[in-house]
Structure formats: C-alpha cells, structure tokens
C-alpha cells in the first residue's frame, strides 16, 4: 500500500510540472534574504535594506509615525532613512520570532514577528513577498500586543 501511495504521489507531481511552468519552487533562498532584511532593519543598514527590492516594490507601513503606502525604491528608501534617523543612525537591539515561509512556483511570502529596541521601541509583524528573488511587497504592521515566539 505504501508503494502505491509513493507511485501515485510521483505521478501527481509529474502531472503538475507543466502547470507549474517547470519553475523551481522558491523557498530557502528567499527565507535567507528575509532574515538578512530583518537583520538590516535592526542594524540600520540602509544599503543592505534596499538591496533586494524590485524597482516597482510596494511597502505598506501600518501604524506609527511612518504610517503610509510607499511605492518604488525612491519612496521606500526615504521611509527607511526616516526610520534609521529616529534612532540616530545607531543599530537597534532586536528580537525575532521564527520565520514562517509559504512558497509556490510564483514566489515566497515570509512572515515574522520582531521586537525592536532603541529610542522608539516597537513590536512589528512583518510580511515579505519575494518573486524571482526580488522583494516585491512588504507589510510592516506595528503590533503592540504581538507575542514574539522564538
């Protein structure tokens, strides 16, 4: 019975390959990029923060003094400059929850909770979407009641 199940799974996988466009499923590389992105937030490293954004990236910042919608690298760069300036350009102590990634052949979305210290401490729920290795969409949700699970 187990052998029949494995054969059926293989047949299903092969049948779905054309539907998936033969693309590799995104995943670990995007998860590593998301972790590096969050580390750059804590470090206040603007160039590292901007490295993976697609030219037409979109950022939804929900809550706090930077609340708003930002489109394109120039607007996103400007909001990160303001965020970094609030802490005097200094790194922020940070605590990160476990990253959770959801992938399919079209991209990967990664979510994580984080607590950032510094002059304006905050808890944030992050959602980052990667397509073809580029960060295309980011949600930065200020979430004071967030429980950060390691």
Protein backbone atom coordinates (compact mmCIF):
# COMPACT_ATOMS: atom_id res chain seq x y z
CA UNK A 1 0.00 0.00 0.00
CA UNK A 2 2.83 2.42 0.85
CA UNK A 3 4.47 1.74 -2.53
CA UNK A 4 1.19 2.54 -4.36
CA UNK A 5 0.95 5.82 -2.45
CA UNK A 6 4.51 6.80 -3.41
CA UNK A 7 3.85 5.94 -7.06
CA UNK A 8 0.61 7.92 -7.03
CA UNK A 9 2.42 10.90 -5.48
CA UNK A 10 5.14 10.73 -8.14
CA UNK A 11 2.56 10.57 -10.94
CA UNK A 12 0.69 13.55 -9.48
CA UNK A 13 3.93 15.54 -9.17
CA UNK A 14 4.90 14.79 -12.78
CA UNK A 15 1.40 15.68 -13.96
CA UNK A 16 1.56 19.06 -12.21
CA UNK A 17 5.00 20.04 -13.54
CA UNK A 18 3.67 21.58 -16.79
CA UNK A 19 1.08 23.53 -14.78
CA UNK A 20 3.88 24.89 -12.59
CA UNK A 21 5.71 26.10 -15.66
CA UNK A 22 8.74 23.99 -14.76
CA UNK A 23 9.83 26.70 -12.35
CA UNK A 24 11.66 25.83 -9.19
CA UNK A 25 9.70 26.40 -6.04
CA UNK A 26 11.07 29.40 -4.16
CA UNK A 27 11.97 28.89 -0.57
CA UNK A 28 15.21 28.71 1.42
CA UNK A 29 16.98 31.43 -0.57
CA UNK A 30 14.07 33.82 -0.02
CA UNK A 31 13.91 32.88 3.67
CA UNK A 32 17.62 33.74 3.97
CA UNK A 33 17.01 37.05 2.20
CA UNK A 34 14.12 37.83 4.58
CA UNK A 35 16.34 37.11 7.60
CA UNK A 36 19.09 39.33 6.17
CA UNK A 37 16.48 42.06 5.54
CA UNK A 38 15.27 41.97 9.15
CA UNK A 39 18.86 41.99 10.39
CA UNK A 40 19.48 45.08 8.23
CA UNK A 41 16.43 46.78 9.81
CA UNK A 42 17.94 46.21 13.27
CA UNK A 43 21.40 47.30 12.13
CA UNK A 44 20.09 50.46 10.44
CA UNK A 45 21.97 49.43 7.29
CA UNK A 46 20.19 51.34 4.50
CA UNK A 47 22.14 49.82 1.61
CA UNK A 48 21.53 46.27 2.85
CA UNK A 49 17.83 47.10 3.35
CA UNK A 50 17.49 48.33 -0.22
CA UNK A 51 19.48 45.53 -1.86
CA UNK A 52 16.63 43.13 -2.66
CA UNK A 53 13.75 45.45 -3.51
CA UNK A 54 12.32 45.22 -7.01
CA UNK A 55 12.20 48.56 -8.83
CA UNK A 56 8.40 48.62 -8.52
CA UNK A 57 8.28 47.28 -4.94
CA UNK A 58 5.41 48.20 -2.67
CA UNK A 59 5.52 48.78 1.09
CA UNK A 60 2.53 49.05 3.40
CA UNK A 61 3.57 50.56 6.76
CA UNK A 62 0.66 50.25 9.17
CA UNK A 63 0.73 52.37 12.34
CA UNK A 64 3.19 54.68 14.00
CA UNK A 65 4.63 57.94 12.68
CA UNK A 66 5.63 56.41 9.32
CA UNK A 67 2.17 55.02 8.57
CA UNK A 68 1.51 55.01 4.84
CA UNK A 69 1.86 53.34 1.48
CA UNK A 70 5.13 53.57 -0.37
CA UNK A 71 5.75 52.59 -4.00
CA UNK A 72 9.07 52.19 -5.74
CA UNK A 73 12.60 52.22 -4.45
CA UNK A 74 12.83 56.00 -4.01
CA UNK A 75 9.81 56.21 -1.67
CA UNK A 76 10.87 53.09 0.22
CA UNK A 77 14.42 54.43 0.63
CA UNK A 78 13.05 57.69 2.02
CA UNK A 79 10.93 55.92 4.65
CA UNK A 80 13.87 53.76 5.75
CA UNK A 81 16.04 56.87 6.04
CA UNK A 82 13.46 58.37 8.40
CA UNK A 83 13.25 55.14 10.42
CA UNK A 84 17.05 54.96 10.78
CA UNK A 85 17.26 58.67 11.71
CA UNK A 86 14.81 58.20 14.61
CA UNK A 87 17.46 56.06 16.31
CA UNK A 88 20.31 58.44 15.44
CA UNK A 89 21.65 56.03 12.83
CA UNK A 90 22.52 53.53 15.56
CA UNK A 91 21.69 49.79 15.50
CA UNK A 92 18.63 48.69 17.44
CA UNK A 93 18.59 45.68 19.74
CA UNK A 94 16.13 43.23 18.19
CA UNK A 95 14.35 40.01 18.99
CA UNK A 96 12.99 37.95 16.11
CA UNK A 97 10.38 35.23 16.11
CA UNK A 98 10.59 32.18 13.93
CA UNK A 99 10.24 32.93 10.24
CA UNK A 100 7.36 31.16 8.51
CA UNK A 101 7.61 30.79 4.76
CA UNK A 102 4.86 29.93 2.31
CA UNK A 103 6.04 29.07 -1.20
CA UNK A 104 4.73 28.08 -4.58
CA UNK A 105 6.27 28.30 -8.07
CA UNK A 106 5.41 32.00 -8.31
CA UNK A 107 7.12 33.19 -5.15
CA UNK A 108 7.53 33.05 -1.42
CA UNK A 109 5.89 35.03 1.36
CA UNK A 110 7.69 35.12 4.68
CA UNK A 111 6.18 36.30 7.94
CA UNK A 112 7.86 37.01 11.25
CA UNK A 113 7.34 38.92 14.43
CA UNK A 114 10.04 41.24 15.73
CA UNK A 115 10.68 43.49 18.67
CA UNK A 116 12.95 46.46 18.00
CA UNK A 117 14.51 48.47 20.81
CA UNK A 118 16.17 51.85 20.61
CA UNK A 119 14.76 55.34 21.07
CA UNK A 120 11.32 54.31 19.84
CA UNK A 121 10.78 50.64 20.79
CA UNK A 122 8.14 48.74 18.85
CA UNK A 123 6.79 45.31 18.04
CA UNK A 124 6.23 44.59 14.38
CA UNK A 125 4.57 41.87 12.35
CA UNK A 126 6.44 41.53 9.04
CA UNK A 127 5.21 40.02 5.80
CA UNK A 128 7.67 39.97 2.91
CA UNK A 129 6.91 38.63 -0.57
CA UNK A 130 9.67 37.58 -2.96
CA UNK A 131 9.23 36.91 -6.67
CA UNK A 132 12.16 35.79 -8.80
CA UNK A 133 14.49 36.65 -5.90
CA UNK A 134 13.29 40.27 -5.58
CA UNK A 135 11.42 41.72 -2.61
CA UNK A 136 8.22 42.93 -4.25
CA UNK A 137 5.84 43.55 -1.36
CA UNK A 138 6.45 44.34 2.30
CA UNK A 139 3.95 44.84 5.10
CA UNK A 140 5.26 46.48 8.27
CA UNK A 141 2.46 46.22 10.85
CA UNK A 142 3.03 47.92 14.20
CA UNK A 143 1.57 45.41 16.66
CA UNK A 144 1.99 46.43 20.34
CA UNK A 145 0.30 43.25 21.66
CA UNK A 146 2.37 40.91 19.45
CA UNK A 147 3.76 37.88 21.26
CA UNK A 148 7.13 37.06 19.68
CA UNK A 149 7.58 33.31 19.61
CA UNK A 150 11.15 32.07 19.21
